[in-house]
Amino acid sequence: MEKFFSVEEANRTLPLVKRIVEDLVRDHRAWEEKVREFELATVGSSPEHPDVIADLLQVEAQRLARDIEGYIAELSDLGVICKGMDTGLVNFRGQIDGRDVFYCWKLGEPSVQYWHEIDAG
């Protein structure tokens, strides 16, 4: 069963959500960088001549990907939906006048201040 938040409930979860989202955004940026470095490192490698640096970068990118999946799972366990790993955008399912909506929050905002229809975002 999906959790429905009031704006007040969503705002009360923000201290924890903010910490998780900060880690998520940080590690997502690091993962993107490791993937770029890995792609560059593999340009001159082959199965017969593997690149040790590329192997290390791949391991690090995979670790970061697992961490990112963990952060998304933590948010999901709270009833929060990750919408943007690069911006730290999350949605909280709620209701306004009997309609299902999403309350939105983005890293850096002081509180939940916006909402949109379920099919609008």
N, C-alpha and C. Protein backbone atom coordinates (compact mmCIF):
# COMPACT_ATOMS: atom_id res chain seq x y z
N MET A 1 0.84 -1.18 0.00
CA MET A 1 0.00 0.00 0.00
C MET A 1 0.89 1.25 0.00
N GLU A 2 0.57 2.17 -0.87
CA GLU A 2 1.38 3.39 -0.97
C GLU A 2 1.08 4.32 0.20
N LYS A 3 2.11 5.02 0.62
CA LYS A 3 1.96 6.00 1.69
C LYS A 3 1.51 7.32 1.08
N PHE A 4 0.56 7.96 1.75
CA PHE A 4 0.12 9.29 1.37
C PHE A 4 0.58 10.26 2.44
N PHE A 5 1.17 11.36 2.02
CA PHE A 5 1.68 12.37 2.92
C PHE A 5 0.79 13.61 2.88
N SER A 6 0.70 14.28 4.02
CA SER A 6 0.24 15.67 4.01
C SER A 6 1.50 16.51 3.79
N VAL A 7 1.33 17.78 3.48
CA VAL A 7 2.51 18.65 3.33
C VAL A 7 3.30 18.67 4.63
N GLU A 8 2.59 18.72 5.76
CA GLU A 8 3.26 18.75 7.07
C GLU A 8 4.07 17.48 7.30
N GLU A 9 3.48 16.33 6.97
CA GLU A 9 4.21 15.06 7.14
C GLU A 9 5.43 15.01 6.23
N ALA A 10 5.28 15.45 5.01
CA ALA A 10 6.42 15.47 4.09
C ALA A 10 7.52 16.36 4.64
N ASN A 11 7.16 17.53 5.13
CA ASN A 11 8.16 18.44 5.69
C ASN A 11 8.84 17.86 6.93
N ARG A 12 8.10 17.09 7.73
CA ARG A 12 8.71 16.47 8.92
C ARG A 12 9.75 15.43 8.54
N THR A 13 9.60 14.81 7.38
CA THR A 13 10.58 13.79 6.95
C THR A 13 11.82 14.41 6.31
N LEU A 14 11.75 15.72 6.00
CA LEU A 14 12.84 16.33 5.22
C LEU A 14 14.23 16.22 5.84
N PRO A 15 14.41 16.33 7.15
CA PRO A 15 15.79 16.19 7.65
C PRO A 15 16.43 14.86 7.24
N LEU A 16 15.69 13.77 7.35
CA LEU A 16 16.22 12.46 6.94
C LEU A 16 16.31 12.37 5.42
N VAL A 17 15.25 12.78 4.72
CA VAL A 17 15.24 12.73 3.26
C VAL A 17 16.40 13.55 2.71
N LYS A 18 16.64 14.72 3.29
CA LYS A 18 17.72 15.59 2.82
C LYS A 18 19.07 14.89 2.92
N ARG A 19 19.33 14.22 4.05
CA ARG A 19 20.62 13.52 4.21
C ARG A 19 20.77 12.41 3.16
N ILE A 20 19.70 11.67 2.93
CA ILE A 20 19.77 10.59 1.94
C ILE A 20 19.99 11.17 0.54
N VAL A 21 19.24 12.23 0.21
CA VAL A 21 19.34 12.83 -1.12
C VAL A 21 20.71 13.47 -1.33
N GLU A 22 21.28 14.08 -0.30
CA GLU A 22 22.64 14.63 -0.43
C GLU A 22 23.63 13.53 -0.80
N ASP A 23 23.54 12.40 -0.12
CA ASP A 23 24.42 11.27 -0.43
C ASP A 23 24.15 10.75 -1.85
N LEU A 24 22.89 10.67 -2.21
CA LEU A 24 22.50 10.20 -3.54
C LEU A 24 23.07 11.09 -4.64
N VAL A 25 22.89 12.39 -4.51
CA VAL A 25 23.38 13.33 -5.53
C VAL A 25 24.91 13.28 -5.61
N ARG A 26 25.56 13.27 -4.45
CA ARG A 26 27.03 13.21 -4.42
C ARG A 26 27.54 11.95 -5.12
N ASP A 27 26.97 10.81 -4.76
CA ASP A 27 27.45 9.55 -5.34
C ASP A 27 27.04 9.41 -6.80
N HIS A 28 25.92 9.98 -7.19
CA HIS A 28 25.53 9.94 -8.61
C HIS A 28 26.53 10.72 -9.45
N ARG A 29 26.95 11.88 -8.96
CA ARG A 29 27.96 12.67 -9.68
C ARG A 29 29.28 11.90 -9.76
N ALA A 30 29.67 11.29 -8.64
CA ALA A 30 30.91 10.51 -8.62
C ALA A 30 30.81 9.32 -9.58
N TRP A 31 29.64 8.67 -9.61
CA TRP A 31 29.44 7.54 -10.52
C TRP A 31 29.56 7.99 -11.98
N GLU A 32 28.94 9.12 -12.33
CA GLU A 32 29.05 9.63 -13.70
C GLU A 32 30.51 9.88 -14.07
N GLU A 33 31.27 10.45 -13.15
CA GLU A 33 32.69 10.73 -13.41
C GLU A 33 33.48 9.43 -13.58
N LYS A 34 33.23 8.44 -12.71
CA LYS A 34 33.93 7.16 -12.82
C LYS A 34 33.60 6.47 -14.15
N VAL A 35 32.36 6.56 -14.58
CA VAL A 35 31.98 5.95 -15.86
C VAL A 35 32.72 6.63 -17.01
N ARG A 36 32.81 7.96 -16.97
CA ARG A 36 33.56 8.69 -18.01
C ARG A 36 35.03 8.27 -18.01
N GLU A 37 35.63 8.21 -16.81
CA GLU A 37 37.03 7.81 -16.70
C GLU A 37 37.21 6.37 -17.20
N PHE A 38 36.28 5.49 -16.85
CA PHE A 38 36.34 4.10 -17.30
C PHE A 38 36.29 4.02 -18.82
N GLU A 39 35.37 4.76 -19.42
CA GLU A 39 35.25 4.75 -20.89
C GLU A 39 36.53 5.21 -21.56
N LEU A 40 37.16 6.24 -21.00
CA LEU A 40 38.43 6.72 -21.56
C LEU A 40 39.54 5.68 -21.38
N ALA A 41 39.55 5.04 -20.21
CA ALA A 41 40.60 4.06 -19.92
C ALA A 41 40.48 2.81 -20.78
N THR A 42 39.28 2.49 -21.23
CA THR A 42 39.11 1.26 -22.02
C THR A 42 39.38 1.46 -23.50
N VAL A 43 39.63 2.68 -23.92
CA VAL A 43 39.87 2.95 -25.34
C VAL A 43 41.01 2.09 -25.88
N GLY A 44 42.08 1.96 -25.14
CA GLY A 44 43.23 1.22 -25.62
C GLY A 44 43.33 -0.20 -25.11
N SER A 45 42.32 -0.66 -24.37
CA SER A 45 42.40 -2.01 -23.81
C SER A 45 41.63 -3.00 -24.67
N SER A 46 41.90 -4.27 -24.43
CA SER A 46 41.21 -5.35 -25.12
C SER A 46 41.17 -6.54 -24.17
N PRO A 47 40.38 -7.57 -24.49
CA PRO A 47 40.37 -8.74 -23.62
C PRO A 47 41.75 -9.36 -23.45
N GLU A 48 42.57 -9.27 -24.50
CA GLU A 48 43.92 -9.83 -24.42
C GLU A 48 44.86 -8.91 -23.63
N HIS A 49 44.57 -7.62 -23.63
CA HIS A 49 45.40 -6.63 -22.94
C HIS A 49 44.52 -5.72 -22.08
N PRO A 50 44.01 -6.27 -20.96
CA PRO A 50 43.13 -5.45 -20.12
C PRO A 50 43.90 -4.31 -19.46
N ASP A 51 43.20 -3.27 -19.17
CA ASP A 51 43.78 -2.10 -18.52
C ASP A 51 43.46 -2.18 -17.03
N VAL A 52 44.50 -2.24 -16.19
CA VAL A 52 44.32 -2.37 -14.74
C VAL A 52 43.55 -1.17 -14.20
N ILE A 53 43.86 0.02 -14.67
CA ILE A 53 43.16 1.23 -14.22
C ILE A 53 41.67 1.13 -14.58
N ALA A 54 41.38 0.67 -15.79
CA ALA A 54 39.98 0.52 -16.20
C ALA A 54 39.25 -0.47 -15.29
N ASP A 55 39.93 -1.55 -14.93
CA ASP A 55 39.32 -2.53 -14.04
C ASP A 55 39.00 -1.90 -12.68
N LEU A 56 39.93 -1.12 -12.15
CA LEU A 56 39.69 -0.45 -10.86
C LEU A 56 38.55 0.55 -10.96
N LEU A 57 38.51 1.30 -12.05
CA LEU A 57 37.43 2.27 -12.25
C LEU A 57 36.08 1.57 -12.36
N GLN A 58 36.07 0.43 -13.03
CA GLN A 58 34.82 -0.32 -13.16
C GLN A 58 34.32 -0.80 -11.80
N VAL A 59 35.23 -1.30 -10.99
CA VAL A 59 34.86 -1.76 -9.64
C VAL A 59 34.30 -0.60 -8.83
N GLU A 60 34.94 0.55 -8.90
CA GLU A 60 34.48 1.72 -8.16
C GLU A 60 33.12 2.19 -8.67
N ALA A 61 32.92 2.20 -9.97
CA ALA A 61 31.62 2.60 -10.54
C ALA A 61 30.53 1.64 -10.09
N GLN A 62 30.84 0.36 -10.05
CA GLN A 62 29.86 -0.63 -9.61
C GLN A 62 29.51 -0.45 -8.13
N ARG A 63 30.52 -0.13 -7.31
CA ARG A 63 30.26 0.12 -5.89
C ARG A 63 29.35 1.33 -5.71
N LEU A 64 29.66 2.40 -6.45
CA LEU A 64 28.82 3.60 -6.37
C LEU A 64 27.40 3.31 -6.84
N ALA A 65 27.25 2.51 -7.88
CA ALA A 65 25.91 2.15 -8.37
C ALA A 65 25.13 1.40 -7.30
N ARG A 66 25.79 0.49 -6.58
CA ARG A 66 25.12 -0.23 -5.49
C ARG A 66 24.70 0.73 -4.38
N ASP A 67 25.59 1.67 -4.05
CA ASP A 67 25.25 2.66 -3.02
C ASP A 67 24.05 3.49 -3.45
N ILE A 68 24.03 3.91 -4.70
CA ILE A 68 22.91 4.70 -5.24
C ILE A 68 21.61 3.91 -5.15
N GLU A 69 21.66 2.65 -5.53
CA GLU A 69 20.47 1.79 -5.41
C GLU A 69 20.00 1.72 -3.96
N GLY A 70 20.94 1.67 -3.03
CA GLY A 70 20.60 1.64 -1.61
C GLY A 70 19.90 2.92 -1.16
N TYR A 71 20.39 4.07 -1.63
CA TYR A 71 19.74 5.34 -1.27
C TYR A 71 18.32 5.40 -1.82
N ILE A 72 18.14 4.95 -3.06
CA ILE A 72 16.81 4.95 -3.66
C ILE A 72 15.88 4.02 -2.88
N ALA A 73 16.40 2.88 -2.44
CA ALA A 73 15.61 1.95 -1.63
C ALA A 73 15.24 2.58 -0.29
N GLU A 74 16.18 3.30 0.34
CA GLU A 74 15.88 3.99 1.60
C GLU A 74 14.74 4.98 1.41
N LEU A 75 14.81 5.76 0.34
CA LEU A 75 13.74 6.72 0.06
C LEU A 75 12.42 5.99 -0.16
N SER A 76 12.45 4.93 -0.93
CA SER A 76 11.25 4.15 -1.21
C SER A 76 10.64 3.59 0.08
N ASP A 77 11.49 3.11 0.98
CA ASP A 77 11.01 2.59 2.27
C ASP A 77 10.28 3.66 3.07
N LEU A 78 10.67 4.92 2.87
CA LEU A 78 10.01 6.04 3.55
C LEU A 78 8.74 6.47 2.82
N GLY A 79 8.52 5.94 1.61
CA GLY A 79 7.38 6.34 0.80
C GLY A 79 7.69 7.49 -0.13
N VAL A 80 8.97 7.78 -0.33
CA VAL A 80 9.42 8.91 -1.14
C VAL A 80 9.92 8.38 -2.48
N ILE A 81 9.59 9.09 -3.55
CA ILE A 81 9.94 8.66 -4.91
C ILE A 81 11.04 9.56 -5.46
N CYS A 82 12.16 8.97 -5.84
CA CYS A 82 13.26 9.73 -6.43
C CYS A 82 12.92 10.04 -7.88
N LYS A 83 12.97 11.32 -8.24
CA LYS A 83 12.66 11.74 -9.61
C LYS A 83 13.87 12.31 -10.34
N GLY A 84 14.91 12.69 -9.62
CA GLY A 84 16.07 13.27 -10.27
C GLY A 84 17.33 13.09 -9.44
N MET A 85 18.16 12.12 -9.85
CA MET A 85 19.40 11.87 -9.10
C MET A 85 20.40 12.99 -9.27
N ASP A 86 20.35 13.69 -10.38
CA ASP A 86 21.30 14.77 -10.61
C ASP A 86 20.91 16.05 -9.89
N THR A 87 19.61 16.27 -9.68
CA THR A 87 19.13 17.50 -9.04
C THR A 87 18.65 17.29 -7.61
N GLY A 88 18.45 16.05 -7.22
CA GLY A 88 17.93 15.78 -5.88
C GLY A 88 16.44 16.04 -5.78
N LEU A 89 15.70 15.77 -6.84
CA LEU A 89 14.26 15.98 -6.87
C LEU A 89 13.55 14.72 -6.40
N VAL A 90 12.62 14.90 -5.45
CA VAL A 90 11.83 13.78 -4.95
C VAL A 90 10.35 14.18 -4.90
N ASN A 91 9.50 13.15 -4.93
CA ASN A 91 8.06 13.33 -4.83
C ASN A 91 7.52 12.59 -3.61
N PHE A 92 6.51 13.18 -3.00
CA PHE A 92 5.75 12.57 -1.92
C PHE A 92 4.31 12.46 -2.41
N ARG A 93 3.75 11.26 -2.41
CA ARG A 93 2.35 11.11 -2.85
C ARG A 93 1.45 11.73 -1.78
N GLY A 94 0.47 12.48 -2.25
CA GLY A 94 -0.49 13.11 -1.34
C GLY A 94 -1.84 13.25 -2.00
N GLN A 95 -2.72 13.97 -1.32
CA GLN A 95 -4.05 14.22 -1.87
C GLN A 95 -4.43 15.67 -1.62
N ILE A 96 -5.07 16.25 -2.62
CA ILE A 96 -5.65 17.59 -2.51
C ILE A 96 -7.07 17.49 -3.03
N ASP A 97 -8.02 17.85 -2.19
CA ASP A 97 -9.44 17.81 -2.57
C ASP A 97 -9.83 16.45 -3.16
N GLY A 98 -9.32 15.37 -2.56
CA GLY A 98 -9.66 14.03 -3.01
C GLY A 98 -8.91 13.54 -4.24
N ARG A 99 -8.05 14.38 -4.81
CA ARG A 99 -7.27 13.99 -5.99
C ARG A 99 -5.87 13.56 -5.55
N ASP A 100 -5.37 12.50 -6.16
CA ASP A 100 -3.99 12.08 -5.90
C ASP A 100 -3.05 13.06 -6.58
N VAL A 101 -2.05 13.52 -5.84
CA VAL A 101 -1.06 14.47 -6.36
C VAL A 101 0.32 14.05 -5.85
N PHE A 102 1.34 14.70 -6.37
CA PHE A 102 2.68 14.58 -5.83
C PHE A 102 3.10 15.92 -5.27
N TYR A 103 3.53 15.92 -4.01
CA TYR A 103 4.21 17.08 -3.45
C TYR A 103 5.67 16.93 -3.84
N CYS A 104 6.30 18.03 -4.25
CA CYS A 104 7.67 17.99 -4.76
C CYS A 104 8.62 18.71 -3.82
N TRP A 105 9.82 18.20 -3.75
CA TRP A 105 10.89 18.87 -3.02
C TRP A 105 12.19 18.61 -3.78
N LYS A 106 13.04 19.62 -3.80
CA LYS A 106 14.34 19.50 -4.45
C LYS A 106 15.41 19.94 -3.47
N LEU A 107 16.53 19.25 -3.50
CA LEU A 107 17.66 19.57 -2.64
C LEU A 107 17.96 21.06 -2.73
N GLY A 108 18.08 21.71 -1.58
CA GLY A 108 18.34 23.14 -1.52
C GLY A 108 17.12 23.96 -1.15
N GLU A 109 15.94 23.38 -1.34
CA GLU A 109 14.71 24.09 -0.96
C GLU A 109 14.48 23.91 0.54
N PRO A 110 13.94 24.94 1.21
CA PRO A 110 13.77 24.85 2.66
C PRO A 110 12.63 23.93 3.10
N SER A 111 11.65 23.71 2.22
CA SER A 111 10.50 22.89 2.58
C SER A 111 9.77 22.47 1.30
N VAL A 112 8.79 21.59 1.49
CA VAL A 112 7.93 21.19 0.38
C VAL A 112 7.01 22.37 0.09
N GLN A 113 7.09 22.90 -1.12
CA GLN A 113 6.32 24.09 -1.46
C GLN A 113 5.50 23.93 -2.73
N TYR A 114 5.71 22.86 -3.48
CA TYR A 114 5.06 22.71 -4.78
C TYR A 114 4.38 21.35 -4.87
N TRP A 115 3.45 21.25 -5.78
CA TRP A 115 2.79 19.99 -6.05
C TRP A 115 2.39 19.95 -7.52
N HIS A 116 2.12 18.75 -8.00
CA HIS A 116 1.61 18.59 -9.37
C HIS A 116 0.73 17.36 -9.43
N GLU A 117 -0.09 17.30 -10.45
CA GLU A 117 -0.95 16.14 -10.67
C GLU A 117 -0.06 14.92 -10.91
N ILE A 118 -0.57 13.75 -10.60
CA ILE A 118 0.18 12.51 -10.75
C ILE A 118 0.72 12.33 -12.16
N ASP A 119 -0.07 12.68 -13.16
CA ASP A 119 0.35 12.46 -14.55
C ASP A 119 1.05 13.67 -15.16
N ALA A 120 1.39 14.66 -14.34
CA ALA A 120 1.99 15.89 -14.89
C ALA A 120 3.48 16.00 -14.62
N GLY A 121 4.09 15.06 -14.00
CA GLY A 121 5.49 15.22 -13.70
C GLY A 121 6.24 14.03 -13.93
